[in-house]
Amino acid sequence: AKWLIAHEHKPIFEIEQMHTSSFILV
């Protein structure tokens, strides 16, 4: 998560919001 934020990406963890993601990290 810190790496993504440092590279100007937005990590999300809420299952109900996953549909807004460009891709999913498992």
mmCIF file of all heavy atoms, coordinates in Angstrom:
data_MODEL
# 
_entry.id   MODEL 
# 
loop_
_atom_site.group_PDB 
_atom_site.id 
_atom_site.type_symbol 
_atom_site.label_atom_id 
_atom_site.label_alt_id 
_atom_site.label_comp_id 
_atom_site.label_asym_id 
_atom_site.label_entity_id 
_atom_site.label_seq_id 
_atom_site.pdbx_PDB_ins_code 
_atom_site.Cartn_x 
_atom_site.Cartn_y 
_atom_site.Cartn_z 
_atom_site.occupancy 
_atom_site.B_iso_or_equiv 
_atom_site.pdbx_formal_charge 
_atom_site.auth_seq_id 
_atom_site.auth_comp_id 
_atom_site.auth_asym_id 
_atom_site.auth_atom_id 
_atom_site.pdbx_PDB_model_num 
ATOM 1   N N   . ALA A 1 1  ? 0.829   -1.208  0.000   1.00 0.00 ? 1  ALA A N   1 
ATOM 2   C CA  . ALA A 1 1  ? 0.000   0.000   0.000   1.00 0.00 ? 1  ALA A CA  1 
ATOM 3   C C   . ALA A 1 1  ? 0.862   1.257   0.000   1.00 0.00 ? 1  ALA A C   1 
ATOM 4   O O   . ALA A 1 1  ? 0.586   2.212   -0.743  1.00 0.00 ? 1  ALA A O   1 
ATOM 5   C CB  . ALA A 1 1  ? -0.928  -0.009  1.214   1.00 0.00 ? 1  ALA A CB  1 
ATOM 6   N N   . LYS A 1 2  ? 1.914   1.280   0.809   1.00 0.00 ? 2  LYS A N   1 
ATOM 7   C CA  . LYS A 1 2  ? 2.806   2.449   0.859   1.00 0.00 ? 2  LYS A CA  1 
ATOM 8   C C   . LYS A 1 2  ? 3.516   2.646   -0.481  1.00 0.00 ? 2  LYS A C   1 
ATOM 9   O O   . LYS A 1 2  ? 3.695   3.781   -0.936  1.00 0.00 ? 2  LYS A O   1 
ATOM 10  C CB  . LYS A 1 2  ? 3.823   2.281   1.985   1.00 0.00 ? 2  LYS A CB  1 
ATOM 11  C CG  . LYS A 1 2  ? 3.216   2.404   3.371   1.00 0.00 ? 2  LYS A CG  1 
ATOM 12  C CD  . LYS A 1 2  ? 4.256   2.155   4.459   1.00 0.00 ? 2  LYS A CD  1 
ATOM 13  C CE  . LYS A 1 2  ? 3.640   2.256   5.838   1.00 0.00 ? 2  LYS A CE  1 
ATOM 14  N NZ  . LYS A 1 2  ? 4.633   1.968   6.915   1.00 0.00 ? 2  LYS A NZ  1 
ATOM 15  N N   . TRP A 1 3  ? 3.891   1.543   -1.114  1.00 0.00 ? 3  TRP A N   1 
ATOM 16  C CA  . TRP A 1 3  ? 4.549   1.637   -2.427  1.00 0.00 ? 3  TRP A CA  1 
ATOM 17  C C   . TRP A 1 3  ? 3.596   2.237   -3.456  1.00 0.00 ? 3  TRP A C   1 
ATOM 18  O O   . TRP A 1 3  ? 3.990   3.098   -4.249  1.00 0.00 ? 3  TRP A O   1 
ATOM 19  C CB  . TRP A 1 3  ? 5.029   0.253   -2.871  1.00 0.00 ? 3  TRP A CB  1 
ATOM 20  C CG  . TRP A 1 3  ? 5.870   0.274   -4.112  1.00 0.00 ? 3  TRP A CG  1 
ATOM 21  C CD1 . TRP A 1 3  ? 7.225   0.343   -4.194  1.00 0.00 ? 3  TRP A CD1 1 
ATOM 22  C CD2 . TRP A 1 3  ? 5.390   0.241   -5.473  1.00 0.00 ? 3  TRP A CD2 1 
ATOM 23  N NE1 . TRP A 1 3  ? 7.631   0.355   -5.505  1.00 0.00 ? 3  TRP A NE1 1 
ATOM 24  C CE2 . TRP A 1 3  ? 6.524   0.299   -6.313  1.00 0.00 ? 3  TRP A CE2 1 
ATOM 25  C CE3 . TRP A 1 3  ? 4.130   0.181   -6.047  1.00 0.00 ? 3  TRP A CE3 1 
ATOM 26  C CZ2 . TRP A 1 3  ? 6.422   0.284   -7.698  1.00 0.00 ? 3  TRP A CZ2 1 
ATOM 27  C CZ3 . TRP A 1 3  ? 4.024   0.173   -7.433  1.00 0.00 ? 3  TRP A CZ3 1 
ATOM 28  C CH2 . TRP A 1 3  ? 5.159   0.223   -8.246  1.00 0.00 ? 3  TRP A CH2 1 
ATOM 29  N N   . LEU A 1 4  ? 2.355   1.774   -3.451  1.00 0.00 ? 4  LEU A N   1 
ATOM 30  C CA  . LEU A 1 4  ? 1.371   2.299   -4.401  1.00 0.00 ? 4  LEU A CA  1 
ATOM 31  C C   . LEU A 1 4  ? 1.126   3.792   -4.180  1.00 0.00 ? 4  LEU A C   1 
ATOM 32  O O   . LEU A 1 4  ? 1.084   4.576   -5.147  1.00 0.00 ? 4  LEU A O   1 
ATOM 33  C CB  . LEU A 1 4  ? 0.049   1.527   -4.259  1.00 0.00 ? 4  LEU A CB  1 
ATOM 34  C CG  . LEU A 1 4  ? 0.061   0.070   -4.725  1.00 0.00 ? 4  LEU A CG  1 
ATOM 35  C CD1 . LEU A 1 4  ? -1.238  -0.622  -4.337  1.00 0.00 ? 4  LEU A CD1 1 
ATOM 36  C CD2 . LEU A 1 4  ? 0.297   -0.031  -6.231  1.00 0.00 ? 4  LEU A CD2 1 
ATOM 37  N N   . ILE A 1 5  ? 0.987   4.191   -2.930  1.00 0.00 ? 5  ILE A N   1 
ATOM 38  C CA  . ILE A 1 5  ? 0.752   5.611   -2.629  1.00 0.00 ? 5  ILE A CA  1 
ATOM 39  C C   . ILE A 1 5  ? 1.949   6.450   -3.048  1.00 0.00 ? 5  ILE A C   1 
ATOM 40  O O   . ILE A 1 5  ? 1.792   7.537   -3.621  1.00 0.00 ? 5  ILE A O   1 
ATOM 41  C CB  . ILE A 1 5  ? 0.458   5.783   -1.120  1.00 0.00 ? 5  ILE A CB  1 
ATOM 42  C CG1 . ILE A 1 5  ? -0.888  5.136   -0.768  1.00 0.00 ? 5  ILE A CG1 1 
ATOM 43  C CG2 . ILE A 1 5  ? 0.445   7.258   -0.735  1.00 0.00 ? 5  ILE A CG2 1 
ATOM 44  C CD1 . ILE A 1 5  ? -1.150  5.032   0.718   1.00 0.00 ? 5  ILE A CD1 1 
ATOM 45  N N   . ALA A 1 6  ? 3.163   5.931   -2.800  1.00 0.00 ? 6  ALA A N   1 
ATOM 46  C CA  . ALA A 1 6  ? 4.375   6.659   -3.182  1.00 0.00 ? 6  ALA A CA  1 
ATOM 47  C C   . ALA A 1 6  ? 4.468   6.842   -4.686  1.00 0.00 ? 6  ALA A C   1 
ATOM 48  O O   . ALA A 1 6  ? 5.121   7.785   -5.159  1.00 0.00 ? 6  ALA A O   1 
ATOM 49  C CB  . ALA A 1 6  ? 5.606   5.928   -2.654  1.00 0.00 ? 6  ALA A CB  1 
ATOM 50  N N   . HIS A 1 7  ? 3.825   5.945   -5.431  1.00 0.00 ? 7  HIS A N   1 
ATOM 51  C CA  . HIS A 1 7  ? 3.843   6.041   -6.901  1.00 0.00 ? 7  HIS A CA  1 
ATOM 52  C C   . HIS A 1 7  ? 2.516   6.595   -7.427  1.00 0.00 ? 7  HIS A C   1 
ATOM 53  O O   . HIS A 1 7  ? 2.150   6.363   -8.576  1.00 0.00 ? 7  HIS A O   1 
ATOM 54  C CB  . HIS A 1 7  ? 4.144   4.678   -7.504  1.00 0.00 ? 7  HIS A CB  1 
ATOM 55  C CG  . HIS A 1 7  ? 5.561   4.231   -7.282  1.00 0.00 ? 7  HIS A CG  1 
ATOM 56  N ND1 . HIS A 1 7  ? 6.002   3.714   -6.075  1.00 0.00 ? 7  HIS A ND1 1 
ATOM 57  C CD2 . HIS A 1 7  ? 6.658   4.267   -8.108  1.00 0.00 ? 7  HIS A CD2 1 
ATOM 58  C CE1 . HIS A 1 7  ? 7.284   3.419   -6.183  1.00 0.00 ? 7  HIS A CE1 1 
ATOM 59  N NE2 . HIS A 1 7  ? 7.706   3.750   -7.388  1.00 0.00 ? 7  HIS A NE2 1 
ATOM 60  N N   . GLU A 1 8  ? 1.794   7.306   -6.578  1.00 0.00 ? 8  GLU A N   1 
ATOM 61  C CA  . GLU A 1 8  ? 0.599   8.076   -6.935  1.00 0.00 ? 8  GLU A CA  1 
ATOM 62  C C   . GLU A 1 8  ? -0.576  7.206   -7.383  1.00 0.00 ? 8  GLU A C   1 
ATOM 63  O O   . GLU A 1 8  ? -1.338  7.573   -8.283  1.00 0.00 ? 8  GLU A O   1 
ATOM 64  C CB  . GLU A 1 8  ? 0.936   9.126   -7.999  1.00 0.00 ? 8  GLU A CB  1 
ATOM 65  C CG  . GLU A 1 8  ? 2.002   10.117  -7.535  1.00 0.00 ? 8  GLU A CG  1 
ATOM 66  C CD  . GLU A 1 8  ? 2.283   11.184  -8.577  1.00 0.00 ? 8  GLU A CD  1 
ATOM 67  O OE1 . GLU A 1 8  ? 1.958   10.976  -9.764  1.00 0.00 ? 8  GLU A OE1 1 
ATOM 68  O OE2 . GLU A 1 8  ? 2.847   12.226  -8.193  1.00 0.00 ? 8  GLU A OE2 1 
ATOM 69  N N   . HIS A 1 9  ? -0.714  6.061   -6.728  1.00 0.00 ? 9  HIS A N   1 
ATOM 70  C CA  . HIS A 1 9  ? -1.874  5.206   -6.953  1.00 0.00 ? 9  HIS A CA  1 
ATOM 71  C C   . HIS A 1 9  ? -2.678  5.121   -5.666  1.00 0.00 ? 9  HIS A C   1 
ATOM 72  O O   . HIS A 1 9  ? -2.162  5.374   -4.575  1.00 0.00 ? 9  HIS A O   1 
ATOM 73  C CB  . HIS A 1 9  ? -1.448  3.810   -7.402  1.00 0.00 ? 9  HIS A CB  1 
ATOM 74  C CG  . HIS A 1 9  ? -0.665  3.813   -8.676  1.00 0.00 ? 9  HIS A CG  1 
ATOM 75  N ND1 . HIS A 1 9  ? -1.237  4.087   -9.888  1.00 0.00 ? 9  HIS A ND1 1 
ATOM 76  C CD2 . HIS A 1 9  ? 0.659   3.598   -8.915  1.00 0.00 ? 9  HIS A CD2 1 
ATOM 77  C CE1 . HIS A 1 9  ? -0.305  4.032   -10.836 1.00 0.00 ? 9  HIS A CE1 1 
ATOM 78  N NE2 . HIS A 1 9  ? 0.847   3.745   -10.272 1.00 0.00 ? 9  HIS A NE2 1 
ATOM 79  N N   . LYS A 1 10 ? -3.934  4.744   -5.804  1.00 0.00 ? 10 LYS A N   1 
ATOM 80  C CA  . LYS A 1 10 ? -4.828  4.708   -4.640  1.00 0.00 ? 10 LYS A CA  1 
ATOM 81  C C   . LYS A 1 10 ? -5.210  3.270   -4.310  1.00 0.00 ? 10 LYS A C   1 
ATOM 82  O O   . LYS A 1 10 ? -5.978  2.640   -5.036  1.00 0.00 ? 10 LYS A O   1 
ATOM 83  C CB  . LYS A 1 10 ? -6.104  5.514   -4.921  1.00 0.00 ? 10 LYS A CB  1 
ATOM 84  C CG  . LYS A 1 10 ? -7.112  5.487   -3.767  1.00 0.00 ? 10 LYS A CG  1 
ATOM 85  C CD  . LYS A 1 10 ? -8.397  6.201   -4.142  1.00 0.00 ? 10 LYS A CD  1 
ATOM 86  C CE  . LYS A 1 10 ? -9.426  6.110   -3.012  1.00 0.00 ? 10 LYS A CE  1 
ATOM 87  N NZ  . LYS A 1 10 ? -10.706 6.763   -3.382  1.00 0.00 ? 10 LYS A NZ  1 
ATOM 88  N N   . PRO A 1 11 ? -4.691  2.728   -3.201  1.00 0.00 ? 11 PRO A N   1 
ATOM 89  C CA  . PRO A 1 11 ? -5.111  1.381   -2.791  1.00 0.00 ? 11 PRO A CA  1 
ATOM 90  C C   . PRO A 1 11 ? -6.448  1.427   -2.053  1.00 0.00 ? 11 PRO A C   1 
ATOM 91  O O   . PRO A 1 11 ? -6.698  2.346   -1.266  1.00 0.00 ? 11 PRO A O   1 
ATOM 92  C CB  . PRO A 1 11 ? -3.990  0.949   -1.841  1.00 0.00 ? 11 PRO A CB  1 
ATOM 93  C CG  . PRO A 1 11 ? -3.452  2.223   -1.273  1.00 0.00 ? 11 PRO A CG  1 
ATOM 94  C CD  . PRO A 1 11 ? -3.642  3.280   -2.326  1.00 0.00 ? 11 PRO A CD  1 
ATOM 95  N N   . ILE A 1 12 ? -7.309  0.460   -2.298  1.00 0.00 ? 12 ILE A N   1 
ATOM 96  C CA  . ILE A 1 12 ? -8.562  0.354   -1.546  1.00 0.00 ? 12 ILE A CA  1 
ATOM 97  C C   . ILE A 1 12 ? -8.693  -1.066  -1.010  1.00 0.00 ? 12 ILE A C   1 
ATOM 98  O O   . ILE A 1 12 ? -8.218  -2.022  -1.630  1.00 0.00 ? 12 ILE A O   1 
ATOM 99  C CB  . ILE A 1 12 ? -9.798  0.723   -2.398  1.00 0.00 ? 12 ILE A CB  1 
ATOM 100 C CG1 . ILE A 1 12 ? -9.938  -0.209  -3.604  1.00 0.00 ? 12 ILE A CG1 1 
ATOM 101 C CG2 . ILE A 1 12 ? -9.754  2.173   -2.843  1.00 0.00 ? 12 ILE A CG2 1 
ATOM 102 C CD1 . ILE A 1 12 ? -11.240 -0.027  -4.352  1.00 0.00 ? 12 ILE A CD1 1 
ATOM 103 N N   . PHE A 1 13 ? -9.343  -1.187  0.148   1.00 0.00 ? 13 PHE A N   1 
ATOM 104 C CA  . PHE A 1 13 ? -9.452  -2.471  0.823   1.00 0.00 ? 13 PHE A CA  1 
ATOM 105 C C   . PHE A 1 13 ? -10.899 -2.909  1.034   1.00 0.00 ? 13 PHE A C   1 
ATOM 106 O O   . PHE A 1 13 ? -11.151 -4.055  1.380   1.00 0.00 ? 13 PHE A O   1 
ATOM 107 C CB  . PHE A 1 13 ? -8.747  -2.395  2.184   1.00 0.00 ? 13 PHE A CB  1 
ATOM 108 C CG  . PHE A 1 13 ? -7.287  -2.058  2.088   1.00 0.00 ? 13 PHE A CG  1 
ATOM 109 C CD1 . PHE A 1 13 ? -6.852  -0.730  2.142   1.00 0.00 ? 13 PHE A CD1 1 
ATOM 110 C CD2 . PHE A 1 13 ? -6.333  -3.052  1.933   1.00 0.00 ? 13 PHE A CD2 1 
ATOM 111 C CE1 . PHE A 1 13 ? -5.505  -0.417  2.050   1.00 0.00 ? 13 PHE A CE1 1 
ATOM 112 C CE2 . PHE A 1 13 ? -4.985  -2.749  1.847   1.00 0.00 ? 13 PHE A CE2 1 
ATOM 113 C CZ  . PHE A 1 13 ? -4.572  -1.425  1.901   1.00 0.00 ? 13 PHE A CZ  1 
ATOM 114 N N   . GLU A 1 14 ? -11.841 -1.997  0.836   1.00 0.00 ? 14 GLU A N   1 
ATOM 115 C CA  . GLU A 1 14 ? -13.242 -2.292  1.084   1.00 0.00 ? 14 GLU A CA  1 
ATOM 116 C C   . GLU A 1 14 ? -13.813 -3.165  -0.043  1.00 0.00 ? 14 GLU A C   1 
ATOM 117 O O   . GLU A 1 14 ? -13.766 -2.768  -1.209  1.00 0.00 ? 14 GLU A O   1 
ATOM 118 C CB  . GLU A 1 14 ? -14.069 -1.008  1.195   1.00 0.00 ? 14 GLU A CB  1 
ATOM 119 C CG  . GLU A 1 14 ? -13.665 -0.109  2.360   1.00 0.00 ? 14 GLU A CG  1 
ATOM 120 C CD  . GLU A 1 14 ? -12.426 0.731   2.074   1.00 0.00 ? 14 GLU A CD  1 
ATOM 121 O OE1 . GLU A 1 14 ? -11.949 0.702   0.914   1.00 0.00 ? 14 GLU A OE1 1 
ATOM 122 O OE2 . GLU A 1 14 ? -11.914 1.370   3.006   1.00 0.00 ? 14 GLU A OE2 1 
ATOM 123 N N   . ILE A 1 15 ? -14.316 -4.335  0.320   1.00 0.00 ? 15 ILE A N   1 
ATOM 124 C CA  . ILE A 1 15 ? -14.826 -5.284  -0.670  1.00 0.00 ? 15 ILE A CA  1 
ATOM 125 C C   . ILE A 1 15 ? -15.906 -4.658  -1.539  1.00 0.00 ? 15 ILE A C   1 
ATOM 126 O O   . ILE A 1 15 ? -15.940 -4.854  -2.765  1.00 0.00 ? 15 ILE A O   1 
ATOM 127 C CB  . ILE A 1 15 ? -15.367 -6.553  0.013   1.00 0.00 ? 15 ILE A CB  1 
ATOM 128 C CG1 . ILE A 1 15 ? -14.243 -7.310  0.725   1.00 0.00 ? 15 ILE A CG1 1 
ATOM 129 C CG2 . ILE A 1 15 ? -16.060 -7.459  -1.000  1.00 0.00 ? 15 ILE A CG2 1 
ATOM 130 C CD1 . ILE A 1 15 ? -13.141 -7.791  -0.179  1.00 0.00 ? 15 ILE A CD1 1 
ATOM 131 N N   . GLU A 1 16 ? -16.789 -3.863  -0.925  1.00 0.00 ? 16 GLU A N   1 
ATOM 132 C CA  . GLU A 1 16 ? -17.899 -3.273  -1.676  1.00 0.00 ? 16 GLU A CA  1 
ATOM 133 C C   . GLU A 1 16 ? -17.444 -2.211  -2.672  1.00 0.00 ? 16 GLU A C   1 
ATOM 134 O O   . GLU A 1 16 ? -18.219 -1.786  -3.532  1.00 0.00 ? 16 GLU A O   1 
ATOM 135 C CB  . GLU A 1 16 ? -18.939 -2.678  -0.720  1.00 0.00 ? 16 GLU A CB  1 
ATOM 136 C CG  . GLU A 1 16 ? -18.439 -1.550  0.164   1.00 0.00 ? 16 GLU A CG  1 
ATOM 137 C CD  . GLU A 1 16 ? -17.789 -2.035  1.456   1.00 0.00 ? 16 GLU A CD  1 
ATOM 138 O OE1 . GLU A 1 16 ? -17.571 -3.254  1.585   1.00 0.00 ? 16 GLU A OE1 1 
ATOM 139 O OE2 . GLU A 1 16 ? -17.517 -1.190  2.322   1.00 0.00 ? 16 GLU A OE2 1 
ATOM 140 N N   . GLN A 1 17 ? -16.181 -1.789  -2.594  1.00 0.00 ? 17 GLN A N   1 
ATOM 141 C CA  . GLN A 1 17 ? -15.661 -0.793  -3.535  1.00 0.00 ? 17 GLN A CA  1 
ATOM 142 C C   . GLN A 1 17 ? -14.729 -1.401  -4.588  1.00 0.00 ? 17 GLN A C   1 
ATOM 143 O O   . GLN A 1 17 ? -14.194 -0.669  -5.439  1.00 0.00 ? 17 GLN A O   1 
ATOM 144 C CB  . GLN A 1 17 ? -14.922 0.308   -2.774  1.00 0.00 ? 17 GLN A CB  1 
ATOM 145 C CG  . GLN A 1 17 ? -15.813 1.153   -1.881  1.00 0.00 ? 17 GLN A CG  1 
ATOM 146 C CD  . GLN A 1 17 ? -15.064 2.299   -1.209  1.00 0.00 ? 17 GLN A CD  1 
ATOM 147 O OE1 . GLN A 1 17 ? -13.992 2.701   -1.668  1.00 0.00 ? 17 GLN A OE1 1 
ATOM 148 N NE2 . GLN A 1 17 ? -15.615 2.821   -0.130  1.00 0.00 ? 17 GLN A NE2 1 
ATOM 149 N N   . MET A 1 18 ? -14.523 -2.707  -4.550  1.00 0.00 ? 18 MET A N   1 
ATOM 150 C CA  . MET A 1 18 ? -13.576 -3.336  -5.463  1.00 0.00 ? 18 MET A CA  1 
ATOM 151 C C   . MET A 1 18 ? -13.941 -3.120  -6.930  1.00 0.00 ? 18 MET A C   1 
ATOM 152 O O   . MET A 1 18 ? -13.087 -3.114  -7.803  1.00 0.00 ? 18 MET A O   1 
ATOM 153 C CB  . MET A 1 18 ? -13.486 -4.843  -5.167  1.00 0.00 ? 18 MET A CB  1 
ATOM 154 C CG  . MET A 1 18 ? -12.766 -5.173  -3.869  1.00 0.00 ? 18 MET A CG  1 
ATOM 155 S SD  . MET A 1 18 ? -11.012 -4.729  -3.917  1.00 0.00 ? 18 MET A SD  1 
ATOM 156 C CE  . MET A 1 18 ? -10.630 -4.727  -2.159  1.00 0.00 ? 18 MET A CE  1 
ATOM 157 N N   . HIS A 1 19 ? -15.240 -2.930  -7.200  1.00 0.00 ? 19 HIS A N   1 
ATOM 158 C CA  . HIS A 1 19 ? -15.668 -2.764  -8.591  1.00 0.00 ? 19 HIS A CA  1 
ATOM 159 C C   . HIS A 1 19 ? -15.145 -1.477  -9.220  1.00 0.00 ? 19 HIS A C   1 
ATOM 160 O O   . HIS A 1 19 ? -15.220 -1.299  -10.446 1.00 0.00 ? 19 HIS A O   1 
ATOM 161 C CB  . HIS A 1 19 ? -17.200 -2.800  -8.680  1.00 0.00 ? 19 HIS A CB  1 
ATOM 162 C CG  . HIS A 1 19 ? -17.865 -1.645  -8.025  1.00 0.00 ? 19 HIS A CG  1 
ATOM 163 N ND1 . HIS A 1 19 ? -18.096 -1.582  -6.666  1.00 0.00 ? 19 HIS A ND1 1 
ATOM 164 C CD2 . HIS A 1 19 ? -18.354 -0.461  -8.540  1.00 0.00 ? 19 HIS A CD2 1 
ATOM 165 C CE1 . HIS A 1 19 ? -18.688 -0.436  -6.382  1.00 0.00 ? 19 HIS A CE1 1 
ATOM 166 N NE2 . HIS A 1 19 ? -18.861 0.250   -7.484  1.00 0.00 ? 19 HIS A NE2 1 
ATOM 167 N N   . THR A 1 20 ? -14.606 -0.573  -8.400  1.00 0.00 ? 20 THR A N   1 
ATOM 168 C CA  . THR A 1 20 ? -14.049 0.673   -8.934  1.00 0.00 ? 20 THR A CA  1 
ATOM 169 C C   . THR A 1 20 ? -12.575 0.539   -9.291  1.00 0.00 ? 20 THR A C   1 
ATOM 170 O O   . THR A 1 20 ? -11.969 1.496   -9.786  1.00 0.00 ? 20 THR A O   1 
ATOM 171 C CB  . THR A 1 20 ? -14.207 1.810   -7.906  1.00 0.00 ? 20 THR A CB  1 
ATOM 172 O OG1 . THR A 1 20 ? -13.411 1.522   -6.743  1.00 0.00 ? 20 THR A OG1 1 
ATOM 173 C CG2 . THR A 1 20 ? -15.665 1.970   -7.487  1.00 0.00 ? 20 THR A CG2 1 
ATOM 174 N N   . SER A 1 21 ? -11.980 -0.617  -9.072  1.00 0.00 ? 21 SER A N   1 
ATOM 175 C CA  . SER A 1 21 ? -10.541 -0.816  -9.259  1.00 0.00 ? 21 SER A CA  1 
ATOM 176 C C   . SER A 1 21 ? -10.186 -1.076  -10.720 1.00 0.00 ? 21 SER A C   1 
ATOM 177 O O   . SER A 1 21 ? -10.964 -1.671  -11.470 1.00 0.00 ? 21 SER A O   1 
ATOM 178 C CB  . SER A 1 21 ? -10.051 -2.000  -8.411  1.00 0.00 ? 21 SER A CB  1 
ATOM 179 O OG  . SER A 1 21 ? -10.350 -1.819  -7.056  1.00 0.00 ? 21 SER A OG  1 
ATOM 180 N N   . SER A 1 22 ? -8.984  -0.650  -11.087 1.00 0.00 ? 22 SER A N   1 
ATOM 181 C CA  . SER A 1 22 ? -8.455  -0.993  -12.414 1.00 0.00 ? 22 SER A CA  1 
ATOM 182 C C   . SER A 1 22 ? -7.975  -2.432  -12.442 1.00 0.00 ? 22 SER A C   1 
ATOM 183 O O   . SER A 1 22 ? -8.067  -3.117  -13.458 1.00 0.00 ? 22 SER A O   1 
ATOM 184 C CB  . SER A 1 22 ? -7.305  -0.053  -12.770 1.00 0.00 ? 22 SER A CB  1 
ATOM 185 O OG  . SER A 1 22 ? -7.756  1.281   -12.860 1.00 0.00 ? 22 SER A OG  1 
ATOM 186 N N   . PHE A 1 23 ? -7.413  -2.880  -11.331 1.00 0.00 ? 23 PHE A N   1 
ATOM 187 C CA  . PHE A 1 23 ? -7.109  -4.297  -11.151 1.00 0.00 ? 23 PHE A CA  1 
ATOM 188 C C   . PHE A 1 23 ? -7.031  -4.585  -9.659  1.00 0.00 ? 23 PHE A C   1 
ATOM 189 O O   . PHE A 1 23 ? -7.016  -3.686  -8.831  1.00 0.00 ? 23 PHE A O   1 
ATOM 190 C CB  . PHE A 1 23 ? -5.837  -4.735  -11.890 1.00 0.00 ? 23 PHE A CB  1 
ATOM 191 C CG  . PHE A 1 23 ? -4.549  -4.150  -11.375 1.00 0.00 ? 23 PHE A CG  1 
ATOM 192 C CD1 . PHE A 1 23 ? -3.783  -4.812  -10.418 1.00 0.00 ? 23 PHE A CD1 1 
ATOM 193 C CD2 . PHE A 1 23 ? -4.059  -2.952  -11.886 1.00 0.00 ? 23 PHE A CD2 1 
ATOM 194 C CE1 . PHE A 1 23 ? -2.590  -4.284  -9.965  1.00 0.00 ? 23 PHE A CE1 1 
ATOM 195 C CE2 . PHE A 1 23 ? -2.866  -2.416  -11.444 1.00 0.00 ? 23 PHE A CE2 1 
ATOM 196 C CZ  . PHE A 1 23 ? -2.118  -3.086  -10.466 1.00 0.00 ? 23 PHE A CZ  1 
ATOM 197 N N   . ILE A 1 24 ? -7.005  -5.896  -9.342  1.00 0.00 ? 24 ILE A N   1 
ATOM 198 C CA  . ILE A 1 24 ? -7.015  -6.335  -7.950  1.00 0.00 ? 24 ILE A CA  1 
ATOM 199 C C   . ILE A 1 24 ? -5.698  -7.039  -7.643  1.00 0.00 ? 24 ILE A C   1 
ATOM 200 O O   . ILE A 1 24 ? -5.263  -7.918  -8.395  1.00 0.00 ? 24 ILE A O   1 
ATOM 201 C CB  . ILE A 1 24 ? -8.176  -7.321  -7.673  1.00 0.00 ? 24 ILE A CB  1 
ATOM 202 C CG1 . ILE A 1 24 ? -9.523  -6.702  -8.061  1.00 0.00 ? 24 ILE A CG1 1 
ATOM 203 C CG2 . ILE A 1 24 ? -8.165  -7.757  -6.210  1.00 0.00 ? 24 ILE A CG2 1 
ATOM 204 C CD1 . ILE A 1 24 ? -9.974  -5.578  -7.191  1.00 0.00 ? 24 ILE A CD1 1 
ATOM 205 N N   . LEU A 1 25 ? -5.077  -6.654  -6.540  1.00 0.00 ? 25 LEU A N   1 
ATOM 206 C CA  . LEU A 1 25 ? -3.929  -7.386  -6.013  1.00 0.00 ? 25 LEU A CA  1 
ATOM 207 C C   . LEU A 1 25 ? -4.432  -8.364  -4.964  1.00 0.00 ? 25 LEU A C   1 
ATOM 208 O O   . LEU A 1 25 ? -5.125  -7.979  -4.030  1.00 0.00 ? 25 LEU A O   1 
ATOM 209 C CB  . LEU A 1 25 ? -2.919  -6.441  -5.368  1.00 0.00 ? 25 LEU A CB  1 
ATOM 210 C CG  . LEU A 1 25 ? -2.155  -5.492  -6.291  1.00 0.00 ? 25 LEU A CG  1 
ATOM 211 C CD1 . LEU A 1 25 ? -1.289  -4.548  -5.470  1.00 0.00 ? 25 LEU A CD1 1 
ATOM 212 C CD2 . LEU A 1 25 ? -1.288  -6.287  -7.262  1.00 0.00 ? 25 LEU A CD2 1 
ATOM 213 N N   . VAL A 1 26 ? -4.097  -9.627  -5.137  1.00 0.00 ? 26 VAL A N   1 
ATOM 214 C CA  . VAL A 1 26 ? -4.486  -10.648 -4.166  1.00 0.00 ? 26 VAL A CA  1 
ATOM 215 C C   . VAL A 1 26 ? -3.226  -11.121 -3.464  1.00 0.00 ? 26 VAL A C   1 
ATOM 216 O O   . VAL A 1 26 ? -2.313  -11.664 -4.091  1.00 0.00 ? 26 VAL A O   1 
ATOM 217 C CB  . VAL A 1 26 ? -5.196  -11.830 -4.852  1.00 0.00 ? 26 VAL A CB  1 
ATOM 218 C CG1 . VAL A 1 26 ? -5.476  -12.931 -3.841  1.00 0.00 ? 26 VAL A CG1 1 
ATOM 219 C CG2 . VAL A 1 26 ? -6.489  -11.360 -5.494  1.00 0.00 ? 26 VAL A CG2 1 
# 
